[in-house]
Amino acid sequence: MLRKLIPAILWAILILYFSTKGKINLPDSWGNLLSMDKIGHFGIYGIFTFLLLRGLIFPFSKWKEKGVQIALSISILYGIGLEVIQYAFFPGRYFEFLDIIANIIGSFIGLLFFNFLMKKHE
């Protein structure tokens, strides 16, 4: 099963790299949930969740419900954890609650996309 998760692991490493690059972020206002930065978060975490699901339950498995719970939990906790790490260990970076919301929305978008593709293969 670990081999099936390699794309998700590599994607997580890529997210870590770009999340910890030393650039200064300014906090967003509540009205910026559709900014390019947040749309990027939707996509990045959507892909991450999709890859996790693909590695955990594709092809079809009796573990589907558990795989969904595990994939969403990993993706959401990873996004929250990286926000905390950015703030705690990278001067000039801010903890952005909207990034967390965008990560969570993206995770669910990844789940929806995965389910859409699975229904096409049934």
C-alpha atoms as a PDB file:
ATOM      1  CA  MET A   1       0.000   0.000   0.000  1.00  0.00           C
ATOM      2  CA  LEU A   2       2.892   2.378   0.702  1.00  0.00           C
ATOM      3  CA  ARG A   3       3.849   2.287  -2.977  1.00  0.00           C
ATOM      4  CA  LYS A   4       0.382   3.558  -3.899  1.00  0.00           C
ATOM      5  CA  LEU A   5       0.885   6.498  -1.528  1.00  0.00           C
ATOM      6  CA  ILE A   6       4.194   7.655  -3.061  1.00  0.00           C
ATOM      7  CA  PRO A   7       2.520  10.368  -5.223  1.00  0.00           C
ATOM      8  CA  ALA A   8       0.727  11.753  -2.145  1.00  0.00           C
ATOM      9  CA  ILE A   9       3.942  11.677  -0.100  1.00  0.00           C
ATOM     10  CA  LEU A  10       5.865  13.480  -2.849  1.00  0.00           C
ATOM     11  CA  TRP A  11       3.057  16.051  -3.130  1.00  0.00           C
ATOM     12  CA  ALA A  12       3.194  16.573   0.666  1.00  0.00           C
ATOM     13  CA  ILE A  13       6.939  17.213   0.425  1.00  0.00           C
ATOM     14  CA  LEU A  14       6.321  19.741  -2.364  1.00  0.00           C
ATOM     15  CA  ILE A  15       3.670  21.478  -0.236  1.00  0.00           C
ATOM     16  CA  LEU A  16       6.118  21.566   2.687  1.00  0.00           C
ATOM     17  CA  TYR A  17       8.827  23.076   0.505  1.00  0.00           C
ATOM     18  CA  PHE A  18       6.652  25.863  -0.869  1.00  0.00           C
ATOM     19  CA  SER A  19       4.951  26.484   2.485  1.00  0.00           C
ATOM     20  CA  THR A  20       8.270  27.083   4.206  1.00  0.00           C
ATOM     21  CA  LYS A  21       9.996  29.140   1.510  1.00  0.00           C
ATOM     22  CA  GLY A  22      11.220  32.336   3.067  1.00  0.00           C
ATOM     23  CA  LYS A  23       8.824  34.875   1.657  1.00  0.00           C
ATOM     24  CA  ILE A  24       6.833  37.378   3.636  1.00  0.00           C
ATOM     25  CA  ASN A  25       3.073  36.952   3.690  1.00  0.00           C
ATOM     26  CA  LEU A  26       0.635  39.609   4.716  1.00  0.00           C
ATOM     27  CA  PRO A  27      -2.522  38.602   6.514  1.00  0.00           C
ATOM     28  CA  ASP A  28      -5.637  38.488   4.355  1.00  0.00           C
ATOM     29  CA  SER A  29      -8.921  40.148   5.085  1.00  0.00           C
ATOM     30  CA  TRP A  30     -12.102  38.096   5.323  1.00  0.00           C
ATOM     31  CA  GLY A  31     -13.075  39.314   1.878  1.00  0.00           C
ATOM     32  CA  ASN A  32     -10.130  37.615   0.176  1.00  0.00           C
ATOM     33  CA  LEU A  33     -11.316  34.004   0.216  1.00  0.00           C
ATOM     34  CA  LEU A  34     -11.326  34.099  -3.587  1.00  0.00           C
ATOM     35  CA  SER A  35      -7.877  35.656  -3.983  1.00  0.00           C
ATOM     36  CA  MET A  36      -5.351  33.852  -6.189  1.00  0.00           C
ATOM     37  CA  ASP A  37      -3.502  32.684  -3.063  1.00  0.00           C
ATOM     38  CA  LYS A  38      -6.612  31.024  -1.651  1.00  0.00           C
ATOM     39  CA  ILE A  39      -7.551  29.493  -5.003  1.00  0.00           C
ATOM     40  CA  GLY A  40      -4.038  28.033  -5.018  1.00  0.00           C
ATOM     41  CA  HIS A  41      -4.703  26.525  -1.590  1.00  0.00           C
ATOM     42  CA  PHE A  42      -7.969  24.992  -2.887  1.00  0.00           C
ATOM     43  CA  GLY A  43      -6.104  23.354  -5.749  1.00  0.00           C
ATOM     44  CA  ILE A  44      -3.060  22.224  -3.806  1.00  0.00           C
ATOM     45  CA  TYR A  45      -5.049  20.553  -1.040  1.00  0.00           C
ATOM     46  CA  GLY A  46      -7.613  19.204  -3.508  1.00  0.00           C
ATOM     47  CA  ILE A  47      -4.814  17.423  -5.355  1.00  0.00           C
ATOM     48  CA  PHE A  48      -3.307  16.233  -2.061  1.00  0.00           C
ATOM     49  CA  THR A  49      -6.605  14.716  -0.903  1.00  0.00           C
ATOM     50  CA  PHE A  50      -7.191  13.168  -4.329  1.00  0.00           C
ATOM     51  CA  LEU A  51      -3.745  11.529  -4.260  1.00  0.00           C
ATOM     52  CA  LEU A  52      -4.311  10.273  -0.717  1.00  0.00           C
ATOM     53  CA  LEU A  53      -7.658   8.776  -1.708  1.00  0.00           C
ATOM     54  CA  ARG A  54      -6.141   7.222  -4.793  1.00  0.00           C
ATOM     55  CA  GLY A  55      -3.458   5.607  -2.676  1.00  0.00           C
ATOM     56  CA  LEU A  56      -5.788   4.478   0.080  1.00  0.00           C
ATOM     57  CA  ILE A  57      -8.856   3.184  -1.756  1.00  0.00           C
ATOM     58  CA  PHE A  58      -8.221   2.979  -5.504  1.00  0.00           C
ATOM     59  CA  PRO A  59      -8.999   0.618  -7.114  1.00  0.00           C
ATOM     60  CA  PHE A  60     -12.314  -0.068  -5.390  1.00  0.00           C
ATOM     61  CA  SER A  61     -12.007  -1.314  -1.858  1.00  0.00           C
ATOM     62  CA  LYS A  62     -14.182  -2.303   1.070  1.00  0.00           C
ATOM     63  CA  TRP A  63     -12.216   0.305   3.062  1.00  0.00           C
ATOM     64  CA  LYS A  64     -13.728   3.245   1.176  1.00  0.00           C
ATOM     65  CA  GLU A  65     -15.387   4.977   4.136  1.00  0.00           C
ATOM     66  CA  LYS A  66     -12.321   4.546   6.350  1.00  0.00           C
ATOM     67  CA  GLY A  67     -10.050   5.683   3.503  1.00  0.00           C
ATOM     68  CA  VAL A  68     -12.090   8.868   3.065  1.00  0.00           C
ATOM     69  CA  GLN A  69     -11.881   9.614   6.793  1.00  0.00           C
ATOM     70  CA  ILE A  70      -8.135   8.981   6.852  1.00  0.00           C
ATOM     71  CA  ALA A  71      -7.423  11.029   3.694  1.00  0.00           C
ATOM     72  CA  LEU A  72      -9.478  14.026   4.836  1.00  0.00           C
ATOM     73  CA  SER A  73      -7.953  13.895   8.318  1.00  0.00           C
ATOM     74  CA  ILE A  74      -4.402  13.783   6.972  1.00  0.00           C
ATOM     75  CA  SER A  75      -4.992  16.582   4.480  1.00  0.00           C
ATOM     76  CA  ILE A  76      -6.777  18.895   6.927  1.00  0.00           C
ATOM     77  CA  LEU A  77      -4.351  18.288   9.804  1.00  0.00           C
ATOM     78  CA  TYR A  78      -1.378  18.732   7.472  1.00  0.00           C
ATOM     79  CA  GLY A  79      -2.732  22.098   6.304  1.00  0.00           C
ATOM     80  CA  ILE A  80      -3.325  23.285   9.868  1.00  0.00           C
ATOM     81  CA  GLY A  81       0.061  21.993  10.988  1.00  0.00           C
ATOM     82  CA  LEU A  82       1.893  23.807   8.202  1.00  0.00           C
ATOM     83  CA  GLU A  83       0.181  27.082   9.126  1.00  0.00           C
ATOM     84  CA  VAL A  84       1.393  26.662  12.702  1.00  0.00           C
ATOM     85  CA  ILE A  85       4.907  25.729  11.526  1.00  0.00           C
ATOM     86  CA  GLN A  86       5.071  28.745   9.200  1.00  0.00           C
ATOM     87  CA  TYR A  87       4.131  31.084  12.020  1.00  0.00           C
ATOM     88  CA  ALA A  88       6.313  29.467  14.694  1.00  0.00           C
ATOM     89  CA  PHE A  89       9.514  28.901  12.733  1.00  0.00           C
ATOM     90  CA  PHE A  90       9.597  31.369   9.843  1.00  0.00           C
ATOM     91  CA  PRO A  91       9.956  35.018  10.826  1.00  0.00           C
ATOM     92  CA  GLY A  92       7.826  37.372   8.789  1.00  0.00           C
ATOM     93  CA  ARG A  93       5.194  34.724   8.083  1.00  0.00           C
ATOM     94  CA  TYR A  94       1.716  34.988   9.515  1.00  0.00           C
ATOM     95  CA  PHE A  95      -0.760  32.410  10.745  1.00  0.00           C
ATOM     96  CA  GLU A  96      -3.615  32.802   8.277  1.00  0.00           C
ATOM     97  CA  PHE A  97      -6.957  31.404   9.320  1.00  0.00           C
ATOM     98  CA  LEU A  98      -8.246  31.895   5.766  1.00  0.00           C
ATOM     99  CA  ASP A  99      -5.482  29.621   4.478  1.00  0.00           C
ATOM    100  CA  ILE A 100      -6.765  26.901   6.788  1.00  0.00           C
ATOM    101  CA  ILE A 101     -10.318  27.405   5.542  1.00  0.00           C
ATOM    102  CA  ALA A 102      -9.074  27.315   1.930  1.00  0.00           C
ATOM    103  CA  ASN A 103      -7.103  24.120   2.656  1.00  0.00           C
ATOM    104  CA  ILE A 104     -10.189  22.456   4.143  1.00  0.00           C
ATOM    105  CA  ILE A 105     -12.405  23.517   1.238  1.00  0.00           C
ATOM    106  CA  GLY A 106      -9.755  22.245  -1.180  1.00  0.00           C
ATOM    107  CA  SER A 107      -9.618  18.917   0.659  1.00  0.00           C
ATOM    108  CA  PHE A 108     -13.353  18.457   0.198  1.00  0.00           C
ATOM    109  CA  ILE A 109     -13.106  19.526  -3.453  1.00  0.00           C
ATOM    110  CA  GLY A 110     -10.512  16.769  -3.904  1.00  0.00           C
ATOM    111  CA  LEU A 111     -12.940  14.286  -2.345  1.00  0.00           C
ATOM    112  CA  LEU A 112     -15.761  15.440  -4.634  1.00  0.00           C
ATOM    113  CA  PHE A 113     -13.529  15.140  -7.701  1.00  0.00           C
ATOM    114  CA  PHE A 114     -12.375  11.670  -6.631  1.00  0.00           C
ATOM    115  CA  ASN A 115     -15.986  10.540  -6.106  1.00  0.00           C
ATOM    116  CA  PHE A 116     -16.941  11.978  -9.501  1.00  0.00           C
ATOM    117  CA  LEU A 117     -14.191   9.967 -11.208  1.00  0.00           C
ATOM    118  CA  MET A 118     -15.055   6.822  -9.264  1.00  0.00           C
ATOM    119  CA  LYS A 119     -18.697   7.001 -10.361  1.00  0.00           C
ATOM    120  CA  LYS A 120     -17.545   7.230 -13.985  1.00  0.00           C
ATOM    121  CA  HIS A 121     -15.644   3.927 -13.526  1.00  0.00           C
ATOM    122  CA  GLU A 122     -18.520   2.039 -11.900  1.00  0.00           C
END
